[in-house]
Amino acid sequence: MSKNCYFCKQGTLPSFKEPEVLKKYLTQRGKIVSRERSQLCAWHQRKLASEIKKARIQSLLPFVVYES
């Protein structure tokens, strides 16, 4: 696993119950940030993507952010 991975260092898993942590891995428009930019290992990047999708379904995170 990557030594730069935030979740490996913390010893935790991404959770949909913590939307403030998940927001760090979204762009301004609400897209999931790539693994190269997020500095996560592959395993945690896959977990992060599924937890973001769960949070979106439960309305904790927006699907799309519209800028007017």
PDB file of N, CA and C in Angstrom:
ATOM      1  N   MET A   1       0.829  -1.182   0.000  1.00  0.00           N
ATOM      2  CA  MET A   1       0.000   0.000   0.000  1.00  0.00           C
ATOM      3  C   MET A   1       0.878   1.253   0.000  1.00  0.00           C
ATOM      4  N   SER A   2       0.312   2.299  -0.548  1.00  0.00           N
ATOM      5  CA  SER A   2       1.043   3.553  -0.656  1.00  0.00           C
ATOM      6  C   SER A   2       1.236   4.198   0.710  1.00  0.00           C
ATOM      7  N   LYS A   3       2.415   4.711   0.959  1.00  0.00           N
ATOM      8  CA  LYS A   3       2.678   5.337   2.251  1.00  0.00           C
ATOM      9  C   LYS A   3       2.060   6.730   2.346  1.00  0.00           C
ATOM     10  N   ASN A   4       1.658   7.298   1.212  1.00  0.00           N
ATOM     11  CA  ASN A   4       1.041   8.615   1.213  1.00  0.00           C
ATOM     12  C   ASN A   4      -0.464   8.553   1.411  1.00  0.00           C
ATOM     13  N   CYS A   5      -1.022   7.370   1.438  1.00  0.00           N
ATOM     14  CA  CYS A   5      -2.469   7.194   1.534  1.00  0.00           C
ATOM     15  C   CYS A   5      -2.975   7.698   2.892  1.00  0.00           C
ATOM     16  N   TYR A   6      -3.933   8.618   2.857  1.00  0.00           N
ATOM     17  CA  TYR A   6      -4.494   9.214   4.076  1.00  0.00           C
ATOM     18  C   TYR A   6      -5.118   8.148   4.976  1.00  0.00           C
ATOM     19  N   PHE A   7      -5.874   7.233   4.399  1.00  0.00           N
ATOM     20  CA  PHE A   7      -6.577   6.231   5.192  1.00  0.00           C
ATOM     21  C   PHE A   7      -5.634   5.159   5.739  1.00  0.00           C
ATOM     22  N   CYS A   8      -4.540   4.867   5.017  1.00  0.00           N
ATOM     23  CA  CYS A   8      -3.543   3.932   5.544  1.00  0.00           C
ATOM     24  C   CYS A   8      -2.838   4.538   6.759  1.00  0.00           C
ATOM     25  N   LYS A   9      -2.522   5.829   6.677  1.00  0.00           N
ATOM     26  CA  LYS A   9      -1.857   6.506   7.794  1.00  0.00           C
ATOM     27  C   LYS A   9      -2.756   6.562   9.018  1.00  0.00           C
ATOM     28  N   GLN A  10      -4.060   6.849   8.798  1.00  0.00           N
ATOM     29  CA  GLN A  10      -5.003   6.964   9.907  1.00  0.00           C
ATOM     30  C   GLN A  10      -5.435   5.600  10.438  1.00  0.00           C
ATOM     31  N   GLY A  11      -5.302   4.578   9.619  1.00  0.00           N
ATOM     32  CA  GLY A  11      -5.738   3.249  10.024  1.00  0.00           C
ATOM     33  C   GLY A  11      -7.259   3.119  10.026  1.00  0.00           C
ATOM     34  N   THR A  12      -7.929   3.898   9.158  1.00  0.00           N
ATOM     35  CA  THR A  12      -9.378   3.862   9.076  1.00  0.00           C
ATOM     36  C   THR A  12      -9.819   3.563   7.651  1.00  0.00           C
ATOM     37  N   LEU A  13     -11.115   3.440   7.474  1.00  0.00           N
ATOM     38  CA  LEU A  13     -11.711   3.271   6.163  1.00  0.00           C
ATOM     39  C   LEU A  13     -12.593   4.471   5.862  1.00  0.00           C
ATOM     40  N   PRO A  14     -12.753   4.821   4.591  1.00  0.00           N
ATOM     41  CA  PRO A  14     -13.694   5.887   4.270  1.00  0.00           C
ATOM     42  C   PRO A  14     -15.113   5.449   4.597  1.00  0.00           C
ATOM     43  N   SER A  15     -15.909   6.371   5.117  1.00  0.00           N
ATOM     44  CA  SER A  15     -17.280   6.048   5.501  1.00  0.00           C
ATOM     45  C   SER A  15     -18.226   7.117   4.989  1.00  0.00           C
ATOM     46  N   PHE A  16     -19.396   6.699   4.518  1.00  0.00           N
ATOM     47  CA  PHE A  16     -20.391   7.653   4.033  1.00  0.00           C
ATOM     48  C   PHE A  16     -20.957   8.486   5.169  1.00  0.00           C
ATOM     49  N   LYS A  17     -20.732   8.086   6.394  1.00  0.00           N
ATOM     50  CA  LYS A  17     -21.226   8.819   7.554  1.00  0.00           C
ATOM     51  C   LYS A  17     -20.391  10.050   7.871  1.00  0.00           C
ATOM     52  N   GLU A  18     -19.266  10.223   7.176  1.00  0.00           N
ATOM     53  CA  GLU A  18     -18.381  11.373   7.379  1.00  0.00           C
ATOM     54  C   GLU A  18     -18.269  12.163   6.077  1.00  0.00           C
ATOM     55  N   PRO A  19     -19.322  12.916   5.720  1.00  0.00           N
ATOM     56  CA  PRO A  19     -19.278  13.630   4.439  1.00  0.00           C
ATOM     57  C   PRO A  19     -18.209  14.719   4.378  1.00  0.00           C
ATOM     58  N   GLU A  20     -17.810  15.278   5.524  1.00  0.00           N
ATOM     59  CA  GLU A  20     -16.770  16.310   5.489  1.00  0.00           C
ATOM     60  C   GLU A  20     -15.422  15.736   5.054  1.00  0.00           C
ATOM     61  N   VAL A  21     -15.157  14.481   5.374  1.00  0.00           N
ATOM     62  CA  VAL A  21     -13.919  13.830   4.915  1.00  0.00           C
ATOM     63  C   VAL A  21     -14.031  13.507   3.433  1.00  0.00           C
ATOM     64  N   LEU A  22     -15.200  13.048   3.014  1.00  0.00           N
ATOM     65  CA  LEU A  22     -15.394  12.680   1.613  1.00  0.00           C
ATOM     66  C   LEU A  22     -15.331  13.896   0.693  1.00  0.00           C
ATOM     67  N   LYS A  23     -15.727  15.064   1.179  1.00  0.00           N
ATOM     68  CA  LYS A  23     -15.712  16.280   0.362  1.00  0.00           C
ATOM     69  C   LYS A  23     -14.304  16.659  -0.074  1.00  0.00           C
ATOM     70  N   LYS A  24     -13.295  16.235   0.678  1.00  0.00           N
ATOM     71  CA  LYS A  24     -11.908  16.532   0.307  1.00  0.00           C
ATOM     72  C   LYS A  24     -11.522  15.837  -1.000  1.00  0.00           C
ATOM     73  N   TYR A  25     -12.242  14.784  -1.360  1.00  0.00           N
ATOM     74  CA  TYR A  25     -11.916  13.993  -2.534  1.00  0.00           C
ATOM     75  C   TYR A  25     -12.896  14.225  -3.672  1.00  0.00           C
ATOM     76  N   LEU A  26     -13.573  15.378  -3.666  1.00  0.00           N
ATOM     77  CA  LEU A  26     -14.459  15.787  -4.747  1.00  0.00           C
ATOM     78  C   LEU A  26     -13.948  17.087  -5.349  1.00  0.00           C
ATOM     79  N   THR A  27     -14.179  17.269  -6.652  1.00  0.00           N
ATOM     80  CA  THR A  27     -13.822  18.531  -7.292  1.00  0.00           C
ATOM     81  C   THR A  27     -14.886  19.568  -6.958  1.00  0.00           C
ATOM     82  N   GLN A  28     -14.691  20.779  -7.432  1.00  0.00           N
ATOM     83  CA  GLN A  28     -15.670  21.840  -7.184  1.00  0.00           C
ATOM     84  C   GLN A  28     -17.010  21.523  -7.830  1.00  0.00           C
ATOM     85  N   ARG A  29     -17.002  20.753  -8.889  1.00  0.00           N
ATOM     86  CA  ARG A  29     -18.240  20.398  -9.586  1.00  0.00           C
ATOM     87  C   ARG A  29     -18.849  19.120  -9.046  1.00  0.00           C
ATOM     88  N   GLY A  30     -18.195  18.448  -8.097  1.00  0.00           N
ATOM     89  CA  GLY A  30     -18.760  17.265  -7.464  1.00  0.00           C
ATOM     90  C   GLY A  30     -18.273  15.942  -8.015  1.00  0.00           C
ATOM     91  N   LYS A  31     -17.249  15.975  -8.865  1.00  0.00           N
ATOM     92  CA  LYS A  31     -16.712  14.730  -9.424  1.00  0.00           C
ATOM     93  C   LYS A  31     -15.689  14.127  -8.465  1.00  0.00           C
ATOM     94  N   ILE A  32     -15.559  12.816  -8.510  1.00  0.00           N
ATOM     95  CA  ILE A  32     -14.588  12.120  -7.670  1.00  0.00           C
ATOM     96  C   ILE A  32     -13.188  12.354  -8.245  1.00  0.00           C
ATOM     97  N   VAL A  33     -12.254  12.726  -7.386  1.00  0.00           N
ATOM     98  CA  VAL A  33     -10.879  13.021  -7.794  1.00  0.00           C
ATOM     99  C   VAL A  33     -10.158  11.714  -8.126  1.00  0.00           C
ATOM    100  N   SER A  34      -9.279  11.761  -9.131  1.00  0.00           N
ATOM    101  CA  SER A  34      -8.535  10.573  -9.550  1.00  0.00           C
ATOM    102  C   SER A  34      -7.538  10.141  -8.479  1.00  0.00           C
ATOM    103  N   ARG A  35      -7.088   8.941  -8.616  1.00  0.00           N
ATOM    104  CA  ARG A  35      -6.149   8.369  -7.647  1.00  0.00           C
ATOM    105  C   ARG A  35      -4.817   9.107  -7.630  1.00  0.00           C
ATOM    106  N   GLU A  36      -4.386   9.600  -8.760  1.00  0.00           N
ATOM    107  CA  GLU A  36      -3.115  10.328  -8.834  1.00  0.00           C
ATOM    108  C   GLU A  36      -3.185  11.634  -8.047  1.00  0.00           C
ATOM    109  N   ARG A  37      -4.326  12.300  -8.089  1.00  0.00           N
ATOM    110  CA  ARG A  37      -4.477  13.578  -7.381  1.00  0.00           C
ATOM    111  C   ARG A  37      -4.811  13.386  -5.913  1.00  0.00           C
ATOM    112  N   SER A  38      -5.507  12.301  -5.583  1.00  0.00           N
ATOM    113  CA  SER A  38      -5.913  12.096  -4.189  1.00  0.00           C
ATOM    114  C   SER A  38      -4.816  11.446  -3.354  1.00  0.00           C
ATOM    115  N   GLN A  39      -3.831  10.851  -4.011  1.00  0.00           N
ATOM    116  CA  GLN A  39      -2.711  10.188  -3.324  1.00  0.00           C
ATOM    117  C   GLN A  39      -3.171   9.018  -2.458  1.00  0.00           C
ATOM    118  N   LEU A  40      -4.219   8.308  -2.892  1.00  0.00           N
ATOM    119  CA  LEU A  40      -4.703   7.144  -2.153  1.00  0.00           C
ATOM    120  C   LEU A  40      -4.207   5.875  -2.826  1.00  0.00           C
ATOM    121  N   CYS A  41      -4.122   4.819  -2.042  1.00  0.00           N
ATOM    122  CA  CYS A  41      -3.780   3.520  -2.614  1.00  0.00           C
ATOM    123  C   CYS A  41      -5.003   3.000  -3.374  1.00  0.00           C
ATOM    124  N   ALA A  42      -4.813   2.011  -4.212  1.00  0.00           N
ATOM    125  CA  ALA A  42      -5.886   1.513  -5.077  1.00  0.00           C
ATOM    126  C   ALA A  42      -7.054   0.973  -4.258  1.00  0.00           C
ATOM    127  N   TRP A  43      -6.768   0.264  -3.199  1.00  0.00           N
ATOM    128  CA  TRP A  43      -7.827  -0.341  -2.383  1.00  0.00           C
ATOM    129  C   TRP A  43      -8.698   0.730  -1.731  1.00  0.00           C
ATOM    130  N   HIS A  44      -8.067   1.740  -1.152  1.00  0.00           N
ATOM    131  CA  HIS A  44      -8.836   2.802  -0.508  1.00  0.00           C
ATOM    132  C   HIS A  44      -9.538   3.695  -1.529  1.00  0.00           C
ATOM    133  N   GLN A  45      -8.974   3.851  -2.730  1.00  0.00           N
ATOM    134  CA  GLN A  45      -9.650   4.634  -3.774  1.00  0.00           C
ATOM    135  C   GLN A  45     -10.948   3.954  -4.192  1.00  0.00           C
ATOM    136  N   ARG A  46     -10.932   2.635  -4.312  1.00  0.00           N
ATOM    137  CA  ARG A  46     -12.160   1.907  -4.653  1.00  0.00           C
ATOM    138  C   ARG A  46     -13.191   2.016  -3.543  1.00  0.00           C
ATOM    139  N   LYS A  47     -12.747   1.885  -2.297  1.00  0.00           N
ATOM    140  CA  LYS A  47     -13.656   2.032  -1.151  1.00  0.00           C
ATOM    141  C   LYS A  47     -14.219   3.447  -1.086  1.00  0.00           C
ATOM    142  N   LEU A  48     -13.365   4.446  -1.335  1.00  0.00           N
ATOM    143  CA  LEU A  48     -13.788   5.835  -1.307  1.00  0.00           C
ATOM    144  C   LEU A  48     -14.875   6.098  -2.348  1.00  0.00           C
ATOM    145  N   ALA A  49     -14.694   5.585  -3.551  1.00  0.00           N
ATOM    146  CA  ALA A  49     -15.678   5.801  -4.614  1.00  0.00           C
ATOM    147  C   ALA A  49     -17.031   5.205  -4.229  1.00  0.00           C
ATOM    148  N   SER A  50     -17.043   4.015  -3.668  1.00  0.00           N
ATOM    149  CA  SER A  50     -18.321   3.403  -3.291  1.00  0.00           C
ATOM    150  C   SER A  50     -18.965   4.138  -2.118  1.00  0.00           C
ATOM    151  N   GLU A  51     -18.166   4.647  -1.192  1.00  0.00           N
ATOM    152  CA  GLU A  51     -18.729   5.387  -0.048  1.00  0.00           C
ATOM    153  C   GLU A  51     -19.269   6.751  -0.477  1.00  0.00           C
ATOM    154  N   ILE A  52     -18.615   7.385  -1.449  1.00  0.00           N
ATOM    155  CA  ILE A  52     -19.132   8.645  -1.983  1.00  0.00           C
ATOM    156  C   ILE A  52     -20.472   8.398  -2.666  1.00  0.00           C
ATOM    157  N   LYS A  53     -20.575   7.305  -3.404  1.00  0.00           N
ATOM    158  CA  LYS A  53     -21.833   6.979  -4.078  1.00  0.00           C
ATOM    159  C   LYS A  53     -22.940   6.690  -3.062  1.00  0.00           C
ATOM    160  N   LYS A  54     -22.611   6.020  -1.971  1.00  0.00           N
ATOM    161  CA  LYS A  54     -23.602   5.780  -0.913  1.00  0.00           C
ATOM    162  C   LYS A  54     -24.062   7.091  -0.288  1.00  0.00           C
ATOM    163  N   ALA A  55     -23.114   8.001  -0.045  1.00  0.00           N
ATOM    164  CA  ALA A  55     -23.447   9.297   0.550  1.00  0.00           C
ATOM    165  C   ALA A  55     -24.315  10.124  -0.396  1.00  0.00           C
ATOM    166  N   ARG A  56     -24.081  10.000  -1.696  1.00  0.00           N
ATOM    167  CA  ARG A  56     -24.906  10.718  -2.665  1.00  0.00           C
ATOM    168  C   ARG A  56     -26.335  10.191  -2.655  1.00  0.00           C
ATOM    169  N   ILE A  57     -26.497   8.897  -2.585  1.00  0.00           N
ATOM    170  CA  ILE A  57     -27.827   8.298  -2.579  1.00  0.00           C
ATOM    171  C   ILE A  57     -28.598   8.718  -1.337  1.00  0.00           C
ATOM    172  N   GLN A  58     -27.926   8.857  -0.217  1.00  0.00           N
ATOM    173  CA  GLN A  58     -28.584   9.249   1.027  1.00  0.00           C
ATOM    174  C   GLN A  58     -28.650  10.763   1.211  1.00  0.00           C
ATOM    175  N   SER A  59     -28.324  11.507   0.160  1.00  0.00           N
ATOM    176  CA  SER A  59     -28.384  12.978   0.132  1.00  0.00           C
ATOM    177  C   SER A  59     -27.443  13.646   1.123  1.00  0.00           C
ATOM    178  N   LEU A  60     -26.339  13.007   1.450  1.00  0.00           N
ATOM    179  CA  LEU A  60     -25.323  13.635   2.289  1.00  0.00           C
ATOM    180  C   LEU A  60     -24.341  14.446   1.449  1.00  0.00           C
ATOM    181  N   LEU A  61     -24.208  14.065   0.172  1.00  0.00           N
ATOM    182  CA  LEU A  61     -23.370  14.779  -0.786  1.00  0.00           C
ATOM    183  C   LEU A  61     -24.189  15.013  -2.052  1.00  0.00           C
ATOM    184  N   PRO A  62     -23.931  16.105  -2.765  1.00  0.00           N
ATOM    185  CA  PRO A  62     -24.672  16.345  -4.006  1.00  0.00           C
ATOM    186  C   PRO A  62     -24.135  15.482  -5.152  1.00  0.00           C
ATOM    187  N   PHE A  63     -25.026  15.150  -6.105  1.00  0.00           N
ATOM    188  CA  PHE A  63     -24.584  14.448  -7.301  1.00  0.00           C
ATOM    189  C   PHE A  63     -23.804  15.409  -8.203  1.00  0.00           C
ATOM    190  N   VAL A  64     -24.338  16.614  -8.389  1.00  0.00           N
ATOM    191  CA  VAL A  64     -23.725  17.629  -9.236  1.00  0.00           C
ATOM    192  C   VAL A  64     -23.854  18.972  -8.549  1.00  0.00           C
ATOM    193  N   VAL A  65     -22.818  19.781  -8.650  1.00  0.00           N
ATOM    194  CA  VAL A  65     -22.855  21.127  -8.089  1.00  0.00           C
ATOM    195  C   VAL A  65     -22.990  22.099  -9.252  1.00  0.00           C
ATOM    196  N   TYR A  66     -24.086  22.843  -9.274  1.00  0.00           N
ATOM    197  CA  TYR A  66     -24.308  23.820 -10.320  1.00  0.00           C
ATOM    198  C   TYR A  66     -23.820  25.176  -9.868  1.00  0.00           C
ATOM    199  N   GLU A  67     -23.065  25.835 -10.727  1.00  0.00           N
ATOM    200  CA  GLU A  67     -22.594  27.186 -10.443  1.00  0.00           C
ATOM    201  C   GLU A  67     -23.361  28.137 -11.346  1.00  0.00           C
ATOM    202  N   SER A  68     -23.965  29.140 -10.755  1.00  0.00           N
ATOM    203  CA  SER A  68     -24.740  30.080 -11.573  1.00  0.00           C
ATOM    204  C   SER A  68     -24.019  31.398 -11.745  1.00  0.00           C
TER     205      SER A  68
END
